[in-house]
Amino acid sequence: MKIVLMFFLFSINLFGADFITLKEYSKMLYENPRGISCKECHGADGSEQILGYYMKNGIKT
């Protein structure tokens, strides 16, 4: 029984601490997704530069 308990506690410790939150993952993608950073064009808060516009039902968005 002690072996099962030790194995259970060990496995929880392995899987619990290694995952990052969705917010951390989003920040990492925004700052450097595969070598091309979004913040180089859009700025640190995402409000600096608009790269293009799209037409949807005749309305420029």
N, C-alpha and C. Protein backbone atom coordinates (compact mmCIF):
# COMPACT_ATOMS: atom_id res chain seq x y z
N MET A 1 0.81 -1.19 0.00
CA MET A 1 0.00 0.00 0.00
C MET A 1 0.86 1.26 0.00
N LYS A 2 1.97 1.22 0.74
CA LYS A 2 2.86 2.38 0.78
C LYS A 2 3.47 2.65 -0.59
N ILE A 3 3.75 1.60 -1.33
CA ILE A 3 4.34 1.76 -2.66
C ILE A 3 3.34 2.45 -3.60
N VAL A 4 2.09 2.05 -3.52
CA VAL A 4 1.06 2.67 -4.36
C VAL A 4 0.90 4.14 -4.01
N LEU A 5 0.88 4.45 -2.73
CA LEU A 5 0.76 5.84 -2.29
C LEU A 5 1.95 6.67 -2.74
N MET A 6 3.14 6.14 -2.60
CA MET A 6 4.34 6.86 -3.04
C MET A 6 4.33 7.07 -4.55
N PHE A 7 3.92 6.07 -5.29
CA PHE A 7 3.84 6.20 -6.74
C PHE A 7 2.82 7.26 -7.13
N PHE A 8 1.68 7.27 -6.46
CA PHE A 8 0.64 8.26 -6.74
C PHE A 8 1.14 9.68 -6.46
N LEU A 9 1.76 9.89 -5.32
CA LEU A 9 2.27 11.22 -4.98
C LEU A 9 3.37 11.65 -5.93
N PHE A 10 4.21 10.74 -6.32
CA PHE A 10 5.29 11.04 -7.27
C PHE A 10 4.73 11.42 -8.63
N SER A 11 3.71 10.70 -9.09
CA SER A 11 3.14 10.99 -10.41
C SER A 11 2.40 12.33 -10.41
N ILE A 12 1.75 12.69 -9.33
CA ILE A 12 1.09 14.00 -9.24
C ILE A 12 2.13 15.11 -9.32
N ASN A 13 3.24 14.92 -8.67
CA ASN A 13 4.31 15.91 -8.67
C ASN A 13 4.90 16.07 -10.07
N LEU A 14 5.01 15.01 -10.82
CA LEU A 14 5.56 15.09 -12.17
C LEU A 14 4.67 15.88 -13.11
N PHE A 15 3.37 15.66 -13.04
CA PHE A 15 2.46 16.28 -14.00
C PHE A 15 1.93 17.63 -13.54
N GLY A 16 2.03 17.98 -12.30
CA GLY A 16 1.43 19.20 -11.80
C GLY A 16 2.22 20.46 -12.04
N ALA A 17 3.54 20.41 -12.00
CA ALA A 17 4.33 21.63 -12.01
C ALA A 17 4.83 22.04 -13.39
N ASP A 18 4.73 21.18 -14.38
CA ASP A 18 5.35 21.47 -15.66
C ASP A 18 4.46 22.21 -16.64
N PHE A 19 3.20 22.29 -16.40
CA PHE A 19 2.31 22.93 -17.36
C PHE A 19 2.26 24.43 -17.12
N ILE A 20 2.13 25.18 -18.22
CA ILE A 20 2.01 26.63 -18.11
C ILE A 20 0.55 27.01 -18.31
N THR A 21 0.20 28.18 -17.84
CA THR A 21 -1.18 28.62 -17.97
C THR A 21 -1.44 29.13 -19.39
N LEU A 22 -2.69 29.29 -19.73
CA LEU A 22 -3.07 29.81 -21.04
C LEU A 22 -2.54 31.23 -21.23
N LYS A 23 -2.55 32.02 -20.18
CA LYS A 23 -2.04 33.39 -20.27
C LYS A 23 -0.54 33.40 -20.54
N GLU A 24 0.21 32.53 -19.88
CA GLU A 24 1.65 32.45 -20.12
C GLU A 24 1.94 32.00 -21.55
N TYR A 25 1.19 31.03 -22.02
CA TYR A 25 1.37 30.53 -23.38
C TYR A 25 1.05 31.61 -24.41
N SER A 26 -0.02 32.36 -24.18
CA SER A 26 -0.40 33.43 -25.10
C SER A 26 0.66 34.51 -25.14
N LYS A 27 1.21 34.86 -23.99
CA LYS A 27 2.26 35.88 -23.94
C LYS A 27 3.50 35.41 -24.69
N MET A 28 3.86 34.14 -24.53
CA MET A 28 5.02 33.60 -25.24
C MET A 28 4.80 33.63 -26.74
N LEU A 29 3.61 33.28 -27.21
CA LEU A 29 3.32 33.31 -28.63
C LEU A 29 3.33 34.73 -29.17
N TYR A 30 2.83 35.69 -28.42
CA TYR A 30 2.79 37.08 -28.86
C TYR A 30 4.19 37.65 -28.96
N GLU A 31 5.06 37.30 -28.02
CA GLU A 31 6.39 37.87 -28.01
C GLU A 31 7.34 37.22 -29.00
N ASN A 32 7.20 35.93 -29.26
CA ASN A 32 8.12 35.29 -30.19
C ASN A 32 7.54 33.98 -30.73
N PRO A 33 6.58 34.05 -31.65
CA PRO A 33 6.06 32.81 -32.24
C PRO A 33 6.91 32.36 -33.41
N ARG A 34 7.71 31.38 -33.20
CA ARG A 34 8.54 30.78 -34.25
C ARG A 34 9.46 31.80 -34.91
N GLY A 35 10.01 32.72 -34.14
CA GLY A 35 10.99 33.65 -34.65
C GLY A 35 10.43 34.94 -35.23
N ILE A 36 9.12 35.06 -35.38
CA ILE A 36 8.52 36.27 -35.93
C ILE A 36 7.62 36.85 -34.85
N SER A 37 8.04 37.94 -34.27
CA SER A 37 7.31 38.50 -33.14
C SER A 37 6.17 39.39 -33.58
N CYS A 38 5.01 39.24 -32.98
CA CYS A 38 3.86 40.12 -33.24
C CYS A 38 4.13 41.51 -32.69
N LYS A 39 4.86 41.59 -31.57
CA LYS A 39 5.04 42.88 -30.94
C LYS A 39 6.00 43.78 -31.69
N GLU A 40 6.74 43.27 -32.68
CA GLU A 40 7.60 44.13 -33.49
C GLU A 40 6.76 45.09 -34.33
N CYS A 41 5.64 44.66 -34.82
CA CYS A 41 4.76 45.52 -35.63
C CYS A 41 3.64 46.13 -34.80
N HIS A 42 3.07 45.37 -33.89
CA HIS A 42 1.88 45.80 -33.16
C HIS A 42 2.21 46.46 -31.83
N GLY A 43 3.44 46.41 -31.38
CA GLY A 43 3.80 47.00 -30.10
C GLY A 43 3.55 46.06 -28.94
N ALA A 44 4.00 46.48 -27.78
CA ALA A 44 3.90 45.63 -26.60
C ALA A 44 2.46 45.37 -26.18
N ASP A 45 1.57 46.35 -26.39
CA ASP A 45 0.18 46.16 -25.97
C ASP A 45 -0.76 45.91 -27.14
N GLY A 46 -0.24 45.84 -28.35
CA GLY A 46 -1.06 45.50 -29.51
C GLY A 46 -1.82 46.65 -30.13
N SER A 47 -1.43 47.89 -29.84
CA SER A 47 -2.22 49.01 -30.34
C SER A 47 -1.44 49.95 -31.27
N GLU A 48 -0.24 49.61 -31.69
CA GLU A 48 0.57 50.58 -32.41
C GLU A 48 0.30 50.66 -33.90
N GLN A 49 0.32 49.57 -34.62
CA GLN A 49 0.26 49.64 -36.07
C GLN A 49 -0.77 48.66 -36.62
N ILE A 50 -1.57 49.12 -37.56
CA ILE A 50 -2.52 48.26 -38.26
C ILE A 50 -1.87 47.87 -39.58
N LEU A 51 -1.76 46.60 -39.85
CA LEU A 51 -1.06 46.13 -41.04
C LEU A 51 -1.94 46.08 -42.27
N GLY A 52 -3.22 45.98 -42.11
CA GLY A 52 -4.09 45.92 -43.28
C GLY A 52 -5.55 46.00 -42.90
N TYR A 53 -6.38 46.19 -43.91
CA TYR A 53 -7.83 46.25 -43.72
C TYR A 53 -8.48 45.18 -44.58
N TYR A 54 -9.63 44.76 -44.20
CA TYR A 54 -10.37 43.74 -44.93
C TYR A 54 -11.75 44.27 -45.27
N MET A 55 -12.29 43.81 -46.38
CA MET A 55 -13.65 44.17 -46.78
C MET A 55 -14.57 43.01 -46.44
N LYS A 56 -15.62 43.28 -45.69
CA LYS A 56 -16.61 42.27 -45.34
C LYS A 56 -17.98 42.86 -45.63
N ASN A 57 -18.66 42.28 -46.60
CA ASN A 57 -19.98 42.76 -47.04
C ASN A 57 -19.94 44.24 -47.45
N GLY A 58 -18.84 44.63 -48.11
CA GLY A 58 -18.70 46.00 -48.58
C GLY A 58 -18.30 47.00 -47.52
N ILE A 59 -18.02 46.54 -46.31
CA ILE A 59 -17.63 47.42 -45.22
C ILE A 59 -16.16 47.17 -44.89
N LYS A 60 -15.39 48.25 -44.83
CA LYS A 60 -13.97 48.16 -44.51
C LYS A 60 -13.81 47.95 -43.01
N THR A 61 -13.13 46.89 -42.63
CA THR A 61 -12.92 46.60 -41.21
C THR A 61 -11.46 46.63 -40.87
